[in-house]
Amino acid sequence: MRIIMHYYYDSTSNDAALLLSEKLKYIIKTSKDSRQETIILCVGSDRSTGDSLGPIVGYKLK
């Protein structure tokens, strides 16, 4: 069974980094427990400074 979940974090929120890190920890832990493959897609542009962390974060994930 394929489950697709979408999450959005407002980058102007003071809690955005904390909320994102907590959600990533939860997703990684539950995917390991259930032996399901996890795909993390980071969307953004490298054309505008500060626009998005997608391109920066995306290439660092293994």
PDB file of N, CA and C in Angstrom:
ATOM      1  N   MET A   1       0.836  -1.178   0.000  1.00  0.00           N
ATOM      2  CA  MET A   1       0.000   0.000   0.000  1.00  0.00           C
ATOM      3  C   MET A   1       0.883   1.245   0.000  1.00  0.00           C
ATOM      4  N   ARG A   2       0.552   2.178  -0.817  1.00  0.00           N
ATOM      5  CA  ARG A   2       1.322   3.418  -0.931  1.00  0.00           C
ATOM      6  C   ARG A   2       0.622   4.524  -0.141  1.00  0.00           C
ATOM      7  N   ILE A   3       1.364   5.141   0.753  1.00  0.00           N
ATOM      8  CA  ILE A   3       0.843   6.248   1.544  1.00  0.00           C
ATOM      9  C   ILE A   3       1.625   7.498   1.162  1.00  0.00           C
ATOM     10  N   ILE A   4       0.913   8.543   0.817  1.00  0.00           N
ATOM     11  CA  ILE A   4       1.557   9.804   0.461  1.00  0.00           C
ATOM     12  C   ILE A   4       1.149  10.854   1.488  1.00  0.00           C
ATOM     13  N   MET A   5       2.146  11.482   2.096  1.00  0.00           N
ATOM     14  CA  MET A   5       1.881  12.521   3.083  1.00  0.00           C
ATOM     15  C   MET A   5       2.561  13.805   2.634  1.00  0.00           C
ATOM     16  N   HIS A   6       1.885  14.900   2.813  1.00  0.00           N
ATOM     17  CA  HIS A   6       2.437  16.206   2.469  1.00  0.00           C
ATOM     18  C   HIS A   6       2.546  17.041   3.739  1.00  0.00           C
ATOM     19  N   TYR A   7       3.649  17.737   3.876  1.00  0.00           N
ATOM     20  CA  TYR A   7       3.843  18.616   5.021  1.00  0.00           C
ATOM     21  C   TYR A   7       4.346  19.958   4.511  1.00  0.00           C
ATOM     22  N   TYR A   8       3.892  21.016   5.141  1.00  0.00           N
ATOM     23  CA  TYR A   8       4.340  22.357   4.781  1.00  0.00           C
ATOM     24  C   TYR A   8       4.704  23.089   6.063  1.00  0.00           C
ATOM     25  N   TYR A   9       5.825  23.776   6.042  1.00  0.00           N
ATOM     26  CA  TYR A   9       6.256  24.555   7.192  1.00  0.00           C
ATOM     27  C   TYR A   9       6.528  25.978   6.733  1.00  0.00           C
ATOM     28  N   ASP A  10       5.942  26.919   7.425  1.00  0.00           N
ATOM     29  CA  ASP A  10       6.120  28.335   7.116  1.00  0.00           C
ATOM     30  C   ASP A  10       7.524  28.752   7.541  1.00  0.00           C
ATOM     31  N   SER A  11       8.348  29.123   6.604  1.00  0.00           N
ATOM     32  CA  SER A  11       9.744  29.458   6.898  1.00  0.00           C
ATOM     33  C   SER A  11       9.885  30.707   7.757  1.00  0.00           C
ATOM     34  N   THR A  12       8.838  31.506   7.847  1.00  0.00           N
ATOM     35  CA  THR A  12       8.913  32.699   8.690  1.00  0.00           C
ATOM     36  C   THR A  12       8.548  32.410  10.143  1.00  0.00           C
ATOM     37  N   SER A  13       8.070  31.210  10.403  1.00  0.00           N
ATOM     38  CA  SER A  13       7.701  30.826  11.766  1.00  0.00           C
ATOM     39  C   SER A  13       8.952  30.539  12.591  1.00  0.00           C
ATOM     40  N   ASN A  14       8.953  30.971  13.832  1.00  0.00           N
ATOM     41  CA  ASN A  14      10.091  30.713  14.717  1.00  0.00           C
ATOM     42  C   ASN A  14      10.262  29.227  15.021  1.00  0.00           C
ATOM     43  N   ASP A  15       9.193  28.464  14.916  1.00  0.00           N
ATOM     44  CA  ASP A  15       9.230  27.037  15.241  1.00  0.00           C
ATOM     45  C   ASP A  15       9.423  26.138  14.021  1.00  0.00           C
ATOM     46  N   ALA A  16       9.593  26.700  12.851  1.00  0.00           N
ATOM     47  CA  ALA A  16       9.641  25.905  11.623  1.00  0.00           C
ATOM     48  C   ALA A  16      10.739  24.848  11.650  1.00  0.00           C
ATOM     49  N   ALA A  17      11.940  25.211  12.031  1.00  0.00           N
ATOM     50  CA  ALA A  17      13.052  24.253  12.042  1.00  0.00           C
ATOM     51  C   ALA A  17      12.801  23.138  13.043  1.00  0.00           C
ATOM     52  N   LEU A  18      12.298  23.483  14.207  1.00  0.00           N
ATOM     53  CA  LEU A  18      12.001  22.479  15.229  1.00  0.00           C
ATOM     54  C   LEU A  18      10.902  21.531  14.766  1.00  0.00           C
ATOM     55  N   LEU A  19       9.827  22.077  14.213  1.00  0.00           N
ATOM     56  CA  LEU A  19       8.727  21.245  13.735  1.00  0.00           C
ATOM     57  C   LEU A  19       9.172  20.311  12.617  1.00  0.00           C
ATOM     58  N   LEU A  20       9.968  20.825  11.690  1.00  0.00           N
ATOM     59  CA  LEU A  20      10.473  20.006  10.596  1.00  0.00           C
ATOM     60  C   LEU A  20      11.371  18.894  11.111  1.00  0.00           C
ATOM     61  N   SER A  21      12.282  19.210  12.019  1.00  0.00           N
ATOM     62  CA  SER A  21      13.198  18.185  12.530  1.00  0.00           C
ATOM     63  C   SER A  21      12.451  17.110  13.306  1.00  0.00           C
ATOM     64  N   GLU A  22      11.444  17.499  14.087  1.00  0.00           N
ATOM     65  CA  GLU A  22      10.655  16.510  14.825  1.00  0.00           C
ATOM     66  C   GLU A  22       9.891  15.598  13.875  1.00  0.00           C
ATOM     67  N   LYS A  23       9.327  16.166  12.822  1.00  0.00           N
ATOM     68  CA  LYS A  23       8.578  15.361  11.853  1.00  0.00           C
ATOM     69  C   LYS A  23       9.503  14.413  11.095  1.00  0.00           C
ATOM     70  N   LEU A  24      10.691  14.890  10.701  1.00  0.00           N
ATOM     71  CA  LEU A  24      11.645  14.020  10.011  1.00  0.00           C
ATOM     72  C   LEU A  24      12.080  12.861  10.900  1.00  0.00           C
ATOM     73  N   LYS A  25      12.365  13.133  12.167  1.00  0.00           N
ATOM     74  CA  LYS A  25      12.738  12.064  13.099  1.00  0.00           C
ATOM     75  C   LYS A  25      11.632  11.022  13.195  1.00  0.00           C
ATOM     76  N   TYR A  26      10.395  11.483  13.302  1.00  0.00           N
ATOM     77  CA  TYR A  26       9.256  10.577  13.403  1.00  0.00           C
ATOM     78  C   TYR A  26       9.110   9.728  12.136  1.00  0.00           C
ATOM     79  N   ILE A  27       9.199  10.358  10.980  1.00  0.00           N
ATOM     80  CA  ILE A  27       9.054   9.635   9.710  1.00  0.00           C
ATOM     81  C   ILE A  27      10.153   8.591   9.554  1.00  0.00           C
ATOM     82  N   ILE A  28      11.385   8.967   9.848  1.00  0.00           N
ATOM     83  CA  ILE A  28      12.508   8.037   9.707  1.00  0.00           C
ATOM     84  C   ILE A  28      12.361   6.868  10.669  1.00  0.00           C
ATOM     85  N   LYS A  29      11.988   7.142  11.912  1.00  0.00           N
ATOM     86  CA  LYS A  29      11.822   6.079  12.903  1.00  0.00           C
ATOM     87  C   LYS A  29      10.710   5.117  12.500  1.00  0.00           C
ATOM     88  N   THR A  30       9.562   5.644  12.109  1.00  0.00           N
ATOM     89  CA  THR A  30       8.443   4.769  11.764  1.00  0.00           C
ATOM     90  C   THR A  30       8.703   4.003  10.473  1.00  0.00           C
ATOM     91  N   SER A  31       9.436   4.583   9.542  1.00  0.00           N
ATOM     92  CA  SER A  31       9.724   3.850   8.303  1.00  0.00           C
ATOM     93  C   SER A  31      10.708   2.720   8.559  1.00  0.00           C
ATOM     94  N   LYS A  32      11.649   2.908   9.475  1.00  0.00           N
ATOM     95  CA  LYS A  32      12.574   1.828   9.827  1.00  0.00           C
ATOM     96  C   LYS A  32      11.843   0.706  10.543  1.00  0.00           C
ATOM     97  N   ASP A  33      10.921   1.062  11.440  1.00  0.00           N
ATOM     98  CA  ASP A  33      10.163   0.064  12.187  1.00  0.00           C
ATOM     99  C   ASP A  33       9.281  -0.775  11.270  1.00  0.00           C
ATOM    100  N   SER A  34       8.724  -0.167  10.243  1.00  0.00           N
ATOM    101  CA  SER A  34       7.814  -0.886   9.352  1.00  0.00           C
ATOM    102  C   SER A  34       8.506  -1.395   8.093  1.00  0.00           C
ATOM    103  N   ARG A  35       9.792  -1.117   7.963  1.00  0.00           N
ATOM    104  CA  ARG A  35      10.585  -1.535   6.798  1.00  0.00           C
ATOM    105  C   ARG A  35      10.038  -0.973   5.484  1.00  0.00           C
ATOM    106  N   GLN A  36       9.439   0.187   5.558  1.00  0.00           N
ATOM    107  CA  GLN A  36       8.941   0.847   4.357  1.00  0.00           C
ATOM    108  C   GLN A  36       9.985   1.818   3.841  1.00  0.00           C
ATOM    109  N   GLU A  37      10.010   1.979   2.546  1.00  0.00           N
ATOM    110  CA  GLU A  37      10.918   2.940   1.940  1.00  0.00           C
ATOM    111  C   GLU A  37      10.368   4.348   2.150  1.00  0.00           C
ATOM    112  N   THR A  38      11.248   5.268   2.490  1.00  0.00           N
ATOM    113  CA  THR A  38      10.850   6.661   2.689  1.00  0.00           C
ATOM    114  C   THR A  38      11.499   7.521   1.619  1.00  0.00           C
ATOM    115  N   ILE A  39      10.703   8.347   0.984  1.00  0.00           N
ATOM    116  CA  ILE A  39      11.206   9.286  -0.014  1.00  0.00           C
ATOM    117  C   ILE A  39      10.945  10.692   0.508  1.00  0.00           C
ATOM    118  N   ILE A  40      11.995  11.501   0.568  1.00  0.00           N
ATOM    119  CA  ILE A  40      11.865  12.887   1.015  1.00  0.00           C
ATOM    120  C   ILE A  40      12.158  13.782  -0.179  1.00  0.00           C
ATOM    121  N   LEU A  41      11.191  14.588  -0.544  1.00  0.00           N
ATOM    122  CA  LEU A  41      11.319  15.483  -1.689  1.00  0.00           C
ATOM    123  C   LEU A  41      11.388  16.916  -1.182  1.00  0.00           C
ATOM    124  N   CYS A  42      12.488  17.586  -1.467  1.00  0.00           N
ATOM    125  CA  CYS A  42      12.672  18.983  -1.059  1.00  0.00           C
ATOM    126  C   CYS A  42      12.529  19.856  -2.295  1.00  0.00           C
ATOM    127  N   VAL A  43      11.544  20.719  -2.286  1.00  0.00           N
ATOM    128  CA  VAL A  43      11.260  21.556  -3.440  1.00  0.00           C
ATOM    129  C   VAL A  43      11.720  22.979  -3.159  1.00  0.00           C
ATOM    130  N   GLY A  44      12.369  23.575  -4.122  1.00  0.00           N
ATOM    131  CA  GLY A  44      12.807  24.954  -3.954  1.00  0.00           C
ATOM    132  C   GLY A  44      13.625  25.399  -5.142  1.00  0.00           C
ATOM    133  N   SER A  45      14.160  26.576  -5.036  1.00  0.00           N
ATOM    134  CA  SER A  45      14.943  27.160  -6.115  1.00  0.00           C
ATOM    135  C   SER A  45      16.277  27.642  -5.578  1.00  0.00           C
ATOM    136  N   ASP A  46      17.326  27.432  -6.348  1.00  0.00           N
ATOM    137  CA  ASP A  46      18.632  27.963  -5.963  1.00  0.00           C
ATOM    138  C   ASP A  46      18.877  29.325  -6.623  1.00  0.00           C
ATOM    139  N   ARG A  47      17.861  29.857  -7.268  1.00  0.00           N
ATOM    140  CA  ARG A  47      17.982  31.125  -7.996  1.00  0.00           C
ATOM    141  C   ARG A  47      17.823  32.349  -7.098  1.00  0.00           C
ATOM    142  N   SER A  48      17.199  32.162  -5.963  1.00  0.00           N
ATOM    143  CA  SER A  48      16.927  33.288  -5.069  1.00  0.00           C
ATOM    144  C   SER A  48      17.457  32.965  -3.678  1.00  0.00           C
ATOM    145  N   THR A  49      18.379  33.765  -3.185  1.00  0.00           N
ATOM    146  CA  THR A  49      18.963  33.537  -1.872  1.00  0.00           C
ATOM    147  C   THR A  49      17.887  33.619  -0.799  1.00  0.00           C
ATOM    148  N   GLY A  50      17.835  32.595   0.046  1.00  0.00           N
ATOM    149  CA  GLY A  50      16.861  32.564   1.126  1.00  0.00           C
ATOM    150  C   GLY A  50      15.481  32.113   0.706  1.00  0.00           C
ATOM    151  N   ASP A  51      15.297  31.826  -0.583  1.00  0.00           N
ATOM    152  CA  ASP A  51      13.996  31.417  -1.094  1.00  0.00           C
ATOM    153  C   ASP A  51      13.575  30.068  -0.544  1.00  0.00           C
ATOM    154  N   SER A  52      14.500  29.127  -0.520  1.00  0.00           N
ATOM    155  CA  SER A  52      14.147  27.773  -0.118  1.00  0.00           C
ATOM    156  C   SER A  52      15.392  26.998   0.264  1.00  0.00           C
ATOM    157  N   LEU A  53      15.230  26.105   1.213  1.00  0.00           N
ATOM    158  CA  LEU A  53      16.340  25.223   1.581  1.00  0.00           C
ATOM    159  C   LEU A  53      16.296  23.915   0.806  1.00  0.00           C
ATOM    160  N   GLY A  54      15.295  23.738  -0.041  1.00  0.00           N
ATOM    161  CA  GLY A  54      15.148  22.495  -0.791  1.00  0.00           C
ATOM    162  C   GLY A  54      16.412  22.036  -1.492  1.00  0.00           C
ATOM    163  N   PRO A  55      17.031  22.859  -2.327  1.00  0.00           N
ATOM    164  CA  PRO A  55      18.240  22.426  -3.025  1.00  0.00           C
ATOM    165  C   PRO A  55      19.406  22.142  -2.081  1.00  0.00           C
ATOM    166  N   ILE A  56      19.492  22.877  -0.979  1.00  0.00           N
ATOM    167  CA  ILE A  56      20.598  22.670  -0.038  1.00  0.00           C
ATOM    168  C   ILE A  56      20.403  21.382   0.742  1.00  0.00           C
ATOM    169  N   VAL A  57      19.213  21.198   1.285  1.00  0.00           N
ATOM    170  CA  VAL A  57      18.927  20.019   2.103  1.00  0.00           C
ATOM    171  C   VAL A  57      18.864  18.768   1.247  1.00  0.00           C
ATOM    172  N   GLY A  58      18.246  18.872   0.093  1.00  0.00           N
ATOM    173  CA  GLY A  58      18.027  17.707  -0.755  1.00  0.00           C
ATOM    174  C   GLY A  58      19.272  16.916  -1.092  1.00  0.00           C
ATOM    175  N   TYR A  59      20.358  17.582  -1.400  1.00  0.00           N
ATOM    176  CA  TYR A  59      21.550  16.851  -1.804  1.00  0.00           C
ATOM    177  C   TYR A  59      22.288  16.259  -0.612  1.00  0.00           C
ATOM    178  N   LYS A  60      21.995  16.687   0.599  1.00  0.00           N
ATOM    179  CA  LYS A  60      22.669  16.163   1.785  1.00  0.00           C
ATOM    180  C   LYS A  60      21.987  14.920   2.353  1.00  0.00           C
ATOM    181  N   LEU A  61      20.763  14.644   1.949  1.00  0.00           N
ATOM    182  CA  LEU A  61      20.052  13.466   2.448  1.00  0.00           C
ATOM    183  C   LEU A  61      20.561  12.217   1.751  1.00  0.00           C
ATOM    184  N   LYS A  62      20.680  11.159   2.505  1.00  0.00           N
ATOM    185  CA  LYS A  62      21.096   9.874   1.916  1.00  0.00           C
ATOM    186  C   LYS A  62      20.024   8.853   2.138  1.00  0.00           C
TER     187      LYS A  62
END
